[in-house]
N, C-alpha and C. Protein backbone atom coordinates (compact mmCIF):
# COMPACT_ATOMS: atom_id res chain seq x y z
N UNK A 1 -103.02 -68.77 14.42
CA UNK A 1 -102.19 -69.65 13.59
C UNK A 1 -101.09 -68.84 12.90
N UNK A 2 -100.00 -69.51 12.58
CA UNK A 2 -98.89 -68.90 11.87
C UNK A 2 -98.45 -69.85 10.76
N UNK A 3 -98.17 -69.29 9.59
CA UNK A 3 -97.76 -70.10 8.45
C UNK A 3 -96.39 -70.72 8.69
N UNK A 4 -96.15 -71.86 8.07
CA UNK A 4 -94.82 -72.48 8.12
C UNK A 4 -93.82 -71.58 7.39
N UNK A 5 -92.62 -71.50 7.92
CA UNK A 5 -91.57 -70.65 7.36
C UNK A 5 -90.35 -71.50 7.01
N UNK A 6 -89.51 -71.02 6.08
CA UNK A 6 -88.40 -71.86 5.57
C UNK A 6 -87.10 -71.73 6.35
N UNK A 7 -87.15 -71.30 7.62
CA UNK A 7 -85.93 -70.98 8.35
C UNK A 7 -85.41 -72.13 9.20
N UNK A 8 -84.10 -72.26 9.24
CA UNK A 8 -83.39 -73.14 10.18
C UNK A 8 -82.05 -72.45 10.43
N UNK A 9 -82.00 -71.63 11.47
CA UNK A 9 -80.88 -70.72 11.69
C UNK A 9 -80.10 -71.08 12.95
N UNK A 10 -78.78 -70.82 12.88
CA UNK A 10 -77.91 -71.11 14.02
C UNK A 10 -76.81 -70.05 14.09
N UNK A 11 -76.37 -69.75 15.31
CA UNK A 11 -75.19 -68.91 15.53
C UNK A 11 -74.26 -69.67 16.46
N UNK A 12 -73.08 -69.99 15.96
CA UNK A 12 -72.08 -70.69 16.77
C UNK A 12 -71.13 -69.65 17.36
N UNK A 13 -70.82 -69.80 18.64
CA UNK A 13 -69.97 -68.84 19.35
C UNK A 13 -68.70 -69.54 19.82
N UNK A 14 -67.55 -68.95 19.48
CA UNK A 14 -66.27 -69.51 19.91
C UNK A 14 -65.39 -68.39 20.47
N UNK A 15 -64.97 -68.49 21.73
CA UNK A 15 -64.06 -67.49 22.29
C UNK A 15 -62.65 -67.74 21.78
N UNK A 16 -61.85 -66.68 21.71
CA UNK A 16 -60.46 -66.83 21.30
C UNK A 16 -59.65 -67.42 22.46
N UNK A 17 -58.42 -67.80 22.17
CA UNK A 17 -57.59 -68.44 23.18
C UNK A 17 -57.34 -67.55 24.39
N UNK A 18 -57.23 -66.22 24.17
CA UNK A 18 -56.95 -65.32 25.29
C UNK A 18 -58.20 -64.60 25.77
N UNK A 19 -59.38 -65.00 25.27
CA UNK A 19 -60.66 -64.44 25.68
C UNK A 19 -60.80 -62.95 25.38
N UNK A 20 -59.99 -62.41 24.49
CA UNK A 20 -60.11 -61.00 24.12
C UNK A 20 -60.99 -60.81 22.90
N UNK A 21 -61.47 -61.90 22.34
CA UNK A 21 -62.23 -61.82 21.10
C UNK A 21 -63.30 -62.92 21.09
N UNK A 22 -64.46 -62.59 20.53
CA UNK A 22 -65.54 -63.55 20.39
C UNK A 22 -65.78 -63.74 18.90
N UNK A 23 -65.77 -64.98 18.44
CA UNK A 23 -66.04 -65.30 17.04
C UNK A 23 -67.45 -65.86 16.92
N UNK A 24 -68.20 -65.36 15.94
CA UNK A 24 -69.54 -65.87 15.67
C UNK A 24 -69.61 -66.39 14.25
N UNK A 25 -70.28 -67.54 14.10
CA UNK A 25 -70.55 -68.07 12.77
C UNK A 25 -72.06 -68.14 12.59
N UNK A 26 -72.54 -67.55 11.49
CA UNK A 26 -73.96 -67.50 11.19
C UNK A 26 -74.26 -68.58 10.16
N UNK A 27 -75.12 -69.52 10.53
CA UNK A 27 -75.40 -70.67 9.67
C UNK A 27 -76.87 -70.67 9.30
N UNK A 28 -77.12 -70.77 7.99
CA UNK A 28 -78.49 -70.85 7.49
C UNK A 28 -78.67 -72.22 6.85
N UNK A 29 -79.30 -73.12 7.58
CA UNK A 29 -79.55 -74.47 7.08
C UNK A 29 -80.92 -74.59 6.44
N UNK A 30 -81.61 -73.46 6.29
CA UNK A 30 -82.96 -73.46 5.74
C UNK A 30 -82.99 -73.35 4.23
N UNK A 31 -84.19 -73.09 3.70
CA UNK A 31 -84.41 -73.06 2.26
C UNK A 31 -84.52 -71.65 1.70
N UNK A 32 -84.28 -70.64 2.52
CA UNK A 32 -84.39 -69.24 2.06
C UNK A 32 -83.36 -68.39 2.80
N UNK A 33 -82.86 -67.36 2.11
CA UNK A 33 -81.89 -66.47 2.73
C UNK A 33 -82.45 -65.78 3.96
N UNK A 34 -81.56 -65.36 4.86
CA UNK A 34 -81.98 -64.70 6.09
C UNK A 34 -80.96 -63.64 6.47
N UNK A 35 -81.43 -62.64 7.20
CA UNK A 35 -80.55 -61.56 7.66
C UNK A 35 -80.41 -61.64 9.17
N UNK A 36 -79.17 -61.61 9.65
CA UNK A 36 -78.86 -61.53 11.06
C UNK A 36 -78.38 -60.11 11.37
N UNK A 37 -78.85 -59.54 12.47
CA UNK A 37 -78.35 -58.25 12.95
C UNK A 37 -77.64 -58.48 14.28
N UNK A 38 -76.40 -57.97 14.39
CA UNK A 38 -75.63 -58.11 15.62
C UNK A 38 -75.44 -56.75 16.25
N UNK A 39 -75.86 -56.61 17.49
CA UNK A 39 -75.69 -55.37 18.25
C UNK A 39 -74.62 -55.58 19.31
N UNK A 40 -73.56 -54.79 19.23
CA UNK A 40 -72.46 -54.86 20.19
C UNK A 40 -72.76 -53.85 21.29
N UNK A 41 -73.46 -54.31 22.32
CA UNK A 41 -73.93 -53.42 23.39
C UNK A 41 -72.76 -52.87 24.20
N UNK A 42 -71.73 -53.68 24.41
CA UNK A 42 -70.59 -53.26 25.24
C UNK A 42 -69.85 -52.08 24.63
N UNK A 43 -69.78 -52.04 23.29
CA UNK A 43 -69.04 -50.97 22.62
C UNK A 43 -69.94 -49.85 22.13
N UNK A 44 -71.25 -50.04 22.18
CA UNK A 44 -72.22 -49.04 21.70
C UNK A 44 -71.82 -48.58 20.29
N UNK A 45 -71.61 -49.52 19.40
CA UNK A 45 -71.26 -49.26 18.02
C UNK A 45 -72.46 -49.58 17.13
N UNK A 46 -72.46 -49.09 15.88
CA UNK A 46 -73.57 -49.41 14.98
C UNK A 46 -73.69 -50.92 14.78
N UNK A 47 -74.90 -51.41 14.57
CA UNK A 47 -75.10 -52.85 14.35
C UNK A 47 -74.40 -53.31 13.07
N UNK A 48 -74.07 -54.58 13.03
CA UNK A 48 -73.58 -55.21 11.81
C UNK A 48 -74.68 -56.13 11.29
N UNK A 49 -74.79 -56.19 9.96
CA UNK A 49 -75.81 -57.02 9.32
C UNK A 49 -75.14 -58.09 8.47
N UNK A 50 -75.70 -59.31 8.51
CA UNK A 50 -75.15 -60.42 7.75
C UNK A 50 -76.30 -61.09 7.00
N UNK A 51 -76.24 -61.04 5.68
CA UNK A 51 -77.22 -61.72 4.85
C UNK A 51 -76.62 -63.06 4.42
N UNK A 52 -77.27 -64.14 4.86
CA UNK A 52 -76.73 -65.48 4.64
C UNK A 52 -77.70 -66.25 3.75
N UNK A 53 -77.22 -66.71 2.61
CA UNK A 53 -78.05 -67.46 1.69
C UNK A 53 -78.42 -68.82 2.23
N UNK A 54 -79.41 -69.44 1.60
CA UNK A 54 -79.82 -70.79 2.00
C UNK A 54 -78.64 -71.75 1.89
N UNK A 55 -78.48 -72.57 2.91
CA UNK A 55 -77.40 -73.57 2.98
C UNK A 55 -76.01 -72.92 2.94
N UNK A 56 -75.90 -71.72 3.49
CA UNK A 56 -74.64 -70.99 3.50
C UNK A 56 -74.28 -70.58 4.92
N UNK A 57 -73.06 -70.08 5.10
CA UNK A 57 -72.59 -69.62 6.41
C UNK A 57 -71.64 -68.45 6.23
N UNK A 58 -71.61 -67.56 7.24
CA UNK A 58 -70.68 -66.44 7.29
C UNK A 58 -70.14 -66.34 8.72
N UNK A 59 -68.98 -65.71 8.89
CA UNK A 59 -68.44 -65.54 10.24
C UNK A 59 -67.78 -64.18 10.38
N UNK A 60 -67.65 -63.73 11.63
CA UNK A 60 -67.01 -62.46 11.94
C UNK A 60 -66.54 -62.51 13.40
N UNK A 61 -65.78 -61.48 13.81
CA UNK A 61 -65.21 -61.44 15.15
C UNK A 61 -65.50 -60.11 15.83
N UNK A 62 -65.60 -60.15 17.17
CA UNK A 62 -65.83 -58.97 17.98
C UNK A 62 -64.81 -58.95 19.11
N UNK A 63 -64.23 -57.77 19.35
CA UNK A 63 -63.31 -57.60 20.46
C UNK A 63 -64.08 -57.32 21.74
N UNK A 64 -63.56 -57.78 22.89
CA UNK A 64 -64.10 -57.33 24.15
C UNK A 64 -63.64 -55.89 24.38
N UNK A 65 -64.24 -55.21 25.37
CA UNK A 65 -63.80 -53.84 25.63
C UNK A 65 -62.53 -53.86 26.49
N UNK A 66 -62.07 -52.68 26.92
CA UNK A 66 -60.80 -52.59 27.65
C UNK A 66 -60.82 -53.40 28.95
N UNK A 67 -61.99 -53.57 29.54
CA UNK A 67 -62.11 -54.33 30.79
C UNK A 67 -62.33 -55.82 30.54
N UNK A 68 -62.43 -56.20 29.27
CA UNK A 68 -62.69 -57.60 28.94
C UNK A 68 -64.17 -57.93 28.84
N UNK A 69 -65.03 -56.92 28.94
CA UNK A 69 -66.48 -57.15 28.90
C UNK A 69 -66.96 -57.32 27.46
N UNK A 70 -67.99 -58.13 27.31
CA UNK A 70 -68.64 -58.26 26.01
C UNK A 70 -70.14 -58.44 26.22
N UNK A 71 -70.91 -57.96 25.26
CA UNK A 71 -72.36 -58.10 25.31
C UNK A 71 -72.87 -58.01 23.87
N UNK A 72 -73.14 -59.15 23.29
CA UNK A 72 -73.60 -59.21 21.91
C UNK A 72 -75.03 -59.73 21.86
N UNK A 73 -75.87 -59.06 21.08
CA UNK A 73 -77.24 -59.51 20.83
C UNK A 73 -77.37 -59.78 19.34
N UNK A 74 -77.92 -60.94 19.00
CA UNK A 74 -78.12 -61.32 17.60
C UNK A 74 -79.61 -61.49 17.36
N UNK A 75 -80.11 -60.76 16.38
CA UNK A 75 -81.53 -60.82 16.03
C UNK A 75 -81.68 -61.38 14.62
N UNK A 76 -82.66 -62.26 14.44
CA UNK A 76 -82.98 -62.81 13.13
C UNK A 76 -84.47 -62.88 12.93
N UNK A 77 -84.92 -63.46 11.82
CA UNK A 77 -86.36 -63.49 11.52
C UNK A 77 -87.14 -64.39 12.47
N UNK A 78 -88.42 -64.06 12.61
CA UNK A 78 -89.38 -64.87 13.37
C UNK A 78 -88.93 -65.15 14.79
N UNK A 79 -88.45 -64.11 15.48
CA UNK A 79 -88.13 -64.24 16.89
C UNK A 79 -86.79 -64.87 17.19
N UNK A 80 -85.96 -65.11 16.17
CA UNK A 80 -84.64 -65.69 16.43
C UNK A 80 -83.80 -64.71 17.23
N UNK A 81 -83.21 -65.19 18.34
CA UNK A 81 -82.45 -64.30 19.24
C UNK A 81 -81.36 -65.09 19.94
N UNK A 82 -80.18 -64.48 19.99
CA UNK A 82 -79.08 -65.01 20.78
C UNK A 82 -78.45 -63.86 21.56
N UNK A 83 -78.02 -64.12 22.78
CA UNK A 83 -77.37 -63.10 23.59
C UNK A 83 -76.18 -63.73 24.32
N UNK A 84 -75.02 -63.09 24.17
CA UNK A 84 -73.80 -63.54 24.82
C UNK A 84 -73.27 -62.38 25.66
N UNK A 85 -73.21 -62.57 26.97
CA UNK A 85 -72.79 -61.52 27.90
C UNK A 85 -71.78 -62.09 28.89
N UNK A 86 -70.74 -61.31 29.18
CA UNK A 86 -69.78 -61.76 30.18
C UNK A 86 -68.59 -60.83 30.27
N UNK A 87 -67.59 -61.26 31.02
CA UNK A 87 -66.37 -60.47 31.19
C UNK A 87 -65.18 -61.41 31.30
N UNK A 88 -64.29 -61.33 30.33
CA UNK A 88 -63.08 -62.15 30.39
C UNK A 88 -62.12 -61.60 31.43
N UNK A 89 -62.40 -60.40 31.97
CA UNK A 89 -61.54 -59.81 32.98
C UNK A 89 -61.90 -60.19 34.39
N UNK A 90 -63.02 -60.89 34.60
CA UNK A 90 -63.42 -61.26 35.95
C UNK A 90 -62.64 -62.49 36.42
N UNK A 91 -62.43 -62.59 37.73
CA UNK A 91 -61.64 -63.69 38.28
C UNK A 91 -62.29 -65.04 38.01
N UNK A 92 -63.62 -65.07 37.96
CA UNK A 92 -64.35 -66.32 37.74
C UNK A 92 -64.97 -66.35 36.35
N UNK A 93 -64.28 -65.79 35.39
CA UNK A 93 -64.82 -65.62 34.05
C UNK A 93 -65.29 -66.92 33.42
N UNK A 94 -66.47 -66.87 32.78
CA UNK A 94 -66.97 -67.98 31.98
C UNK A 94 -66.89 -67.65 30.50
N UNK A 95 -66.05 -66.67 30.16
CA UNK A 95 -65.93 -66.23 28.77
C UNK A 95 -65.36 -67.32 27.87
N UNK A 96 -64.85 -68.38 28.46
CA UNK A 96 -64.27 -69.47 27.68
C UNK A 96 -65.31 -70.47 27.19
N UNK A 97 -66.60 -70.21 27.45
CA UNK A 97 -67.65 -71.13 27.05
C UNK A 97 -68.06 -70.88 25.60
N UNK A 98 -68.00 -71.92 24.79
CA UNK A 98 -68.45 -71.83 23.41
C UNK A 98 -69.78 -72.52 23.22
N UNK A 99 -70.46 -72.20 22.13
CA UNK A 99 -71.78 -72.77 21.85
C UNK A 99 -71.87 -73.20 20.39
N UNK A 100 -72.33 -74.43 20.20
CA UNK A 100 -72.64 -74.96 18.87
C UNK A 100 -74.06 -75.52 18.94
N UNK A 101 -74.91 -75.16 17.99
CA UNK A 101 -76.29 -75.67 18.02
C UNK A 101 -76.61 -76.41 16.73
N UNK A 102 -77.56 -77.29 16.85
CA UNK A 102 -78.14 -77.94 15.69
C UNK A 102 -79.60 -78.25 16.04
N UNK A 103 -80.40 -78.58 15.05
CA UNK A 103 -81.81 -78.81 15.31
C UNK A 103 -82.31 -80.06 14.62
N UNK A 104 -83.29 -80.67 15.24
CA UNK A 104 -84.07 -81.74 14.63
C UNK A 104 -85.43 -81.11 14.33
N UNK A 105 -85.60 -80.67 13.10
CA UNK A 105 -86.80 -79.89 12.77
C UNK A 105 -88.07 -80.74 12.88
N UNK A 106 -88.00 -81.98 12.45
CA UNK A 106 -89.20 -82.83 12.49
C UNK A 106 -89.69 -83.03 13.91
N UNK A 107 -88.74 -83.19 14.85
CA UNK A 107 -89.09 -83.40 16.25
C UNK A 107 -89.19 -82.08 17.02
N UNK A 108 -88.84 -80.97 16.37
CA UNK A 108 -88.79 -79.65 17.01
C UNK A 108 -87.96 -79.71 18.30
N UNK A 109 -86.72 -80.16 18.13
CA UNK A 109 -85.77 -80.27 19.23
C UNK A 109 -84.51 -79.50 18.88
N UNK A 110 -84.05 -78.68 19.82
CA UNK A 110 -82.80 -77.94 19.66
C UNK A 110 -81.74 -78.60 20.53
N UNK A 111 -80.56 -78.84 19.93
CA UNK A 111 -79.45 -79.43 20.68
C UNK A 111 -78.37 -78.38 20.84
N UNK A 112 -78.04 -78.07 22.10
CA UNK A 112 -77.00 -77.10 22.41
C UNK A 112 -75.75 -77.86 22.82
N UNK A 113 -74.68 -77.71 22.06
CA UNK A 113 -73.40 -78.31 22.41
C UNK A 113 -72.57 -77.23 23.11
N UNK A 114 -72.40 -77.36 24.42
CA UNK A 114 -71.67 -76.39 25.22
C UNK A 114 -70.23 -76.85 25.35
N UNK A 115 -69.29 -75.99 24.97
CA UNK A 115 -67.88 -76.37 24.90
C UNK A 115 -67.08 -75.50 25.87
N UNK A 116 -66.46 -76.14 26.85
CA UNK A 116 -65.64 -75.42 27.82
C UNK A 116 -64.20 -75.37 27.31
N UNK A 117 -63.81 -74.20 26.77
CA UNK A 117 -62.45 -74.02 26.26
C UNK A 117 -61.46 -73.66 27.37
N UNK A 118 -61.95 -73.50 28.60
CA UNK A 118 -61.11 -73.04 29.71
C UNK A 118 -60.36 -74.15 30.40
N UNK A 119 -59.68 -73.77 31.48
CA UNK A 119 -58.83 -74.71 32.21
C UNK A 119 -59.43 -75.14 33.55
N UNK A 120 -60.66 -74.77 33.82
CA UNK A 120 -61.34 -75.22 35.04
C UNK A 120 -62.80 -75.55 34.72
N UNK A 121 -63.41 -76.33 35.58
CA UNK A 121 -64.79 -76.76 35.35
C UNK A 121 -65.75 -75.58 35.44
N UNK A 122 -66.85 -75.65 34.69
CA UNK A 122 -67.89 -74.63 34.72
C UNK A 122 -69.20 -75.27 35.17
N UNK A 123 -69.92 -74.61 36.05
CA UNK A 123 -71.25 -75.06 36.45
C UNK A 123 -72.29 -74.07 35.96
N UNK A 124 -73.26 -74.58 35.21
CA UNK A 124 -74.28 -73.73 34.60
C UNK A 124 -75.67 -74.11 35.10
N UNK A 125 -76.52 -73.11 35.26
CA UNK A 125 -77.93 -73.33 35.56
C UNK A 125 -78.75 -72.78 34.39
N UNK A 126 -79.97 -73.32 34.23
CA UNK A 126 -80.78 -73.00 33.07
C UNK A 126 -82.18 -72.55 33.49
N UNK A 127 -82.69 -71.55 32.79
CA UNK A 127 -84.06 -71.07 33.03
C UNK A 127 -84.82 -71.08 31.71
N UNK A 128 -86.05 -71.58 31.76
CA UNK A 128 -86.91 -71.66 30.59
C UNK A 128 -87.89 -70.50 30.62
N UNK A 129 -87.80 -69.63 29.61
CA UNK A 129 -88.69 -68.47 29.55
C UNK A 129 -90.15 -68.84 29.45
N UNK A 130 -90.46 -70.03 28.95
CA UNK A 130 -91.84 -70.47 28.82
C UNK A 130 -92.32 -71.27 30.04
N UNK A 131 -91.41 -71.51 31.00
CA UNK A 131 -91.74 -72.14 32.27
C UNK A 131 -92.36 -73.53 32.13
N UNK A 132 -91.87 -74.26 31.11
CA UNK A 132 -92.36 -75.63 30.91
C UNK A 132 -91.28 -76.67 31.15
N UNK A 133 -90.01 -76.26 31.02
CA UNK A 133 -88.91 -77.20 31.16
C UNK A 133 -88.19 -76.98 32.48
N UNK A 134 -87.83 -78.08 33.13
CA UNK A 134 -87.03 -78.03 34.35
C UNK A 134 -85.69 -78.69 34.04
N UNK A 135 -84.73 -77.88 33.61
CA UNK A 135 -83.45 -78.39 33.17
C UNK A 135 -82.47 -78.35 34.34
N UNK A 136 -81.88 -79.47 34.72
CA UNK A 136 -80.96 -79.49 35.87
C UNK A 136 -79.65 -78.79 35.55
N UNK A 137 -78.99 -78.29 36.58
CA UNK A 137 -77.68 -77.67 36.42
C UNK A 137 -76.69 -78.72 35.94
N UNK A 138 -75.68 -78.26 35.21
CA UNK A 138 -74.65 -79.18 34.72
C UNK A 138 -73.27 -78.61 35.03
N UNK A 139 -72.30 -79.49 35.22
CA UNK A 139 -70.91 -79.11 35.38
C UNK A 139 -70.14 -79.65 34.19
N UNK A 140 -69.38 -78.78 33.54
CA UNK A 140 -68.63 -79.16 32.35
C UNK A 140 -67.15 -79.09 32.69
N UNK A 141 -66.46 -80.19 32.57
CA UNK A 141 -65.04 -80.25 32.91
C UNK A 141 -64.23 -79.37 31.97
N UNK A 142 -63.04 -78.98 32.42
CA UNK A 142 -62.12 -78.22 31.58
C UNK A 142 -61.89 -78.96 30.28
N UNK A 143 -62.00 -78.24 29.16
CA UNK A 143 -61.85 -78.79 27.81
C UNK A 143 -62.94 -79.81 27.48
N UNK A 144 -63.99 -79.85 28.28
CA UNK A 144 -65.06 -80.81 28.07
C UNK A 144 -66.23 -80.22 27.33
N UNK A 145 -67.21 -81.05 27.02
CA UNK A 145 -68.43 -80.62 26.32
C UNK A 145 -69.64 -81.21 27.02
N UNK A 146 -70.78 -80.59 26.78
CA UNK A 146 -72.05 -81.11 27.29
C UNK A 146 -73.12 -80.82 26.26
N UNK A 147 -73.91 -81.82 25.91
CA UNK A 147 -75.01 -81.65 24.97
C UNK A 147 -76.31 -81.49 25.75
N UNK A 148 -76.94 -80.33 25.58
CA UNK A 148 -78.22 -80.05 26.22
C UNK A 148 -79.32 -80.14 25.18
N UNK A 149 -80.29 -81.00 25.41
CA UNK A 149 -81.40 -81.19 24.48
C UNK A 149 -82.59 -80.38 24.97
N UNK A 150 -83.09 -79.51 24.10
CA UNK A 150 -84.22 -78.64 24.45
C UNK A 150 -85.42 -79.04 23.59
N UNK A 151 -86.38 -79.77 24.15
CA UNK A 151 -87.59 -80.13 23.40
C UNK A 151 -88.54 -78.94 23.33
N UNK A 152 -89.03 -78.64 22.13
CA UNK A 152 -89.90 -77.48 21.97
C UNK A 152 -91.25 -77.83 21.36
N UNK A 153 -91.49 -79.10 21.06
CA UNK A 153 -92.73 -79.48 20.39
C UNK A 153 -93.97 -79.19 21.24
N UNK A 154 -93.84 -79.33 22.57
CA UNK A 154 -94.99 -79.07 23.45
C UNK A 154 -95.35 -77.60 23.50
N UNK A 155 -94.44 -76.75 23.00
CA UNK A 155 -94.68 -75.31 22.99
C UNK A 155 -94.76 -74.79 21.56
N UNK A 156 -95.27 -75.65 20.66
CA UNK A 156 -95.44 -75.30 19.25
C UNK A 156 -94.13 -74.88 18.58
N UNK A 157 -93.03 -75.41 19.09
CA UNK A 157 -91.73 -75.13 18.48
C UNK A 157 -90.98 -73.95 19.06
N UNK A 158 -91.58 -73.22 19.98
CA UNK A 158 -90.93 -72.05 20.57
C UNK A 158 -90.03 -72.45 21.73
N UNK A 159 -88.89 -71.79 21.86
CA UNK A 159 -87.96 -72.05 22.96
C UNK A 159 -87.32 -70.75 23.41
N UNK A 160 -86.91 -70.70 24.68
CA UNK A 160 -86.25 -69.52 25.25
C UNK A 160 -85.50 -69.98 26.50
N UNK A 161 -84.21 -70.25 26.34
CA UNK A 161 -83.39 -70.79 27.43
C UNK A 161 -82.28 -69.79 27.76
N UNK A 162 -82.13 -69.48 29.04
CA UNK A 162 -81.05 -68.61 29.51
C UNK A 162 -80.15 -69.39 30.45
N UNK A 163 -78.85 -69.30 30.22
CA UNK A 163 -77.85 -69.97 31.06
C UNK A 163 -77.13 -68.93 31.90
N UNK A 164 -76.94 -69.23 33.18
CA UNK A 164 -76.20 -68.37 34.09
C UNK A 164 -75.34 -69.24 34.99
N UNK A 165 -74.53 -68.59 35.84
CA UNK A 165 -73.70 -69.32 36.78
C UNK A 165 -73.53 -68.50 38.05
N UNK A 166 -73.64 -69.16 39.19
CA UNK A 166 -73.43 -68.46 40.46
C UNK A 166 -71.99 -68.01 40.61
N UNK A 167 -71.07 -68.63 39.86
CA UNK A 167 -69.65 -68.29 39.99
C UNK A 167 -69.26 -67.02 39.22
N UNK A 168 -70.13 -66.55 38.33
CA UNK A 168 -69.80 -65.38 37.50
C UNK A 168 -71.06 -64.60 37.23
N UNK A 169 -71.28 -63.53 37.98
CA UNK A 169 -72.51 -62.75 37.86
C UNK A 169 -72.57 -61.97 36.55
N UNK A 170 -71.44 -61.84 35.84
CA UNK A 170 -71.45 -61.10 34.56
C UNK A 170 -71.92 -61.96 33.41
N UNK A 171 -71.96 -63.28 33.61
CA UNK A 171 -72.19 -64.19 32.50
C UNK A 171 -73.67 -64.49 32.29
N UNK A 172 -74.11 -64.47 31.02
CA UNK A 172 -75.43 -64.95 30.63
C UNK A 172 -75.39 -65.32 29.16
N UNK A 173 -76.02 -66.41 28.83
CA UNK A 173 -76.12 -66.85 27.44
C UNK A 173 -77.57 -67.22 27.21
N UNK A 174 -78.20 -66.60 26.22
CA UNK A 174 -79.62 -66.83 25.95
C UNK A 174 -79.82 -67.26 24.51
N UNK A 175 -80.64 -68.28 24.33
CA UNK A 175 -81.04 -68.73 23.00
C UNK A 175 -82.57 -68.75 22.95
N UNK A 176 -83.13 -68.15 21.92
CA UNK A 176 -84.58 -68.11 21.79
C UNK A 176 -84.95 -68.13 20.31
N UNK A 177 -86.14 -68.61 20.04
CA UNK A 177 -86.60 -68.63 18.65
C UNK A 177 -87.67 -69.67 18.44
N UNK A 178 -87.80 -70.08 17.19
CA UNK A 178 -88.84 -71.04 16.81
C UNK A 178 -88.25 -72.09 15.89
N UNK A 179 -88.55 -73.36 16.16
CA UNK A 179 -88.11 -74.46 15.32
C UNK A 179 -89.23 -74.84 14.36
N UNK A 180 -88.99 -74.63 13.08
CA UNK A 180 -89.98 -74.94 12.05
C UNK A 180 -89.95 -76.42 11.72
N UNK A 181 -91.12 -76.99 11.46
CA UNK A 181 -91.20 -78.40 11.05
C UNK A 181 -91.98 -78.59 9.76
N UNK A 182 -92.22 -77.50 9.03
CA UNK A 182 -92.94 -77.58 7.77
C UNK A 182 -94.44 -77.47 7.89
N UNK A 183 -94.95 -77.36 9.11
CA UNK A 183 -96.40 -77.26 9.32
C UNK A 183 -96.76 -75.91 9.91
N UNK A 184 -98.02 -75.56 9.80
CA UNK A 184 -98.50 -74.33 10.42
C UNK A 184 -98.31 -74.42 11.93
N UNK A 185 -98.08 -73.26 12.55
CA UNK A 185 -97.80 -73.23 13.98
C UNK A 185 -98.62 -72.13 14.63
N UNK A 186 -98.12 -71.63 15.76
CA UNK A 186 -98.76 -70.52 16.45
C UNK A 186 -97.75 -69.38 16.60
N UNK A 187 -98.24 -68.18 16.86
CA UNK A 187 -97.35 -67.07 17.15
C UNK A 187 -96.74 -67.26 18.54
N UNK A 188 -95.70 -66.51 18.83
CA UNK A 188 -94.95 -66.64 20.08
C UNK A 188 -95.87 -66.42 21.28
N UNK A 189 -96.03 -67.41 22.17
CA UNK A 189 -96.89 -67.24 23.34
C UNK A 189 -96.41 -66.11 24.27
N UNK A 190 -95.09 -65.90 24.35
CA UNK A 190 -94.59 -64.80 25.19
C UNK A 190 -95.02 -63.46 24.63
N UNK A 191 -94.95 -63.31 23.32
CA UNK A 191 -95.36 -62.05 22.68
C UNK A 191 -96.86 -61.81 22.87
N UNK A 192 -97.62 -62.90 22.87
CA UNK A 192 -99.06 -62.77 23.03
C UNK A 192 -99.51 -62.68 24.47
N UNK A 193 -98.59 -62.68 25.41
CA UNK A 193 -98.94 -62.58 26.81
C UNK A 193 -99.57 -63.81 27.40
N UNK A 194 -99.35 -64.96 26.74
CA UNK A 194 -99.95 -66.21 27.21
C UNK A 194 -99.10 -66.92 28.23
N UNK A 195 -97.89 -66.40 28.47
CA UNK A 195 -97.00 -66.97 29.49
C UNK A 195 -96.75 -65.91 30.53
N UNK A 196 -97.09 -66.19 31.80
CA UNK A 196 -96.95 -65.20 32.83
C UNK A 196 -95.77 -65.45 33.74
């Protein structure tokens, strides 16, 4: 068993118009402050830390490297994790994809709003780290959006979704963590080796 925790955390990702910069907004919709750590793997620079109070938000920006590559990992409390990887320099770049999330804590459902800021359609495929969800591939029109609903109640609130595309081998977007609903839960089944 795991005690209920006061967290409801989100990281919104928005690429710049020329894809040379990635903007992140750290949102704490919970009842207690939280610390986010961002590791810029592409630049191998020291991590940045963001302490966000309850019902508060902070934002910052990261440059891609000289080749247009980016690789950001965001770590937060209780298994919260986001990963944004890609290359704005590739011919089939998906670096124009933005992400906005929100949660329904009572239902333990995460809603991913995928925003295509680019000028051509994007096709994404999804993999569930817990191997319980079969999410179909989606195509998002240029300047279009798609809302992906990730139910996590059957997995005690835990989720781990990775998005990729056959058109861009450099691209990956991963969201993982736990959706609190005010009740006691379980520890991460992946950490406990309960998912093979």
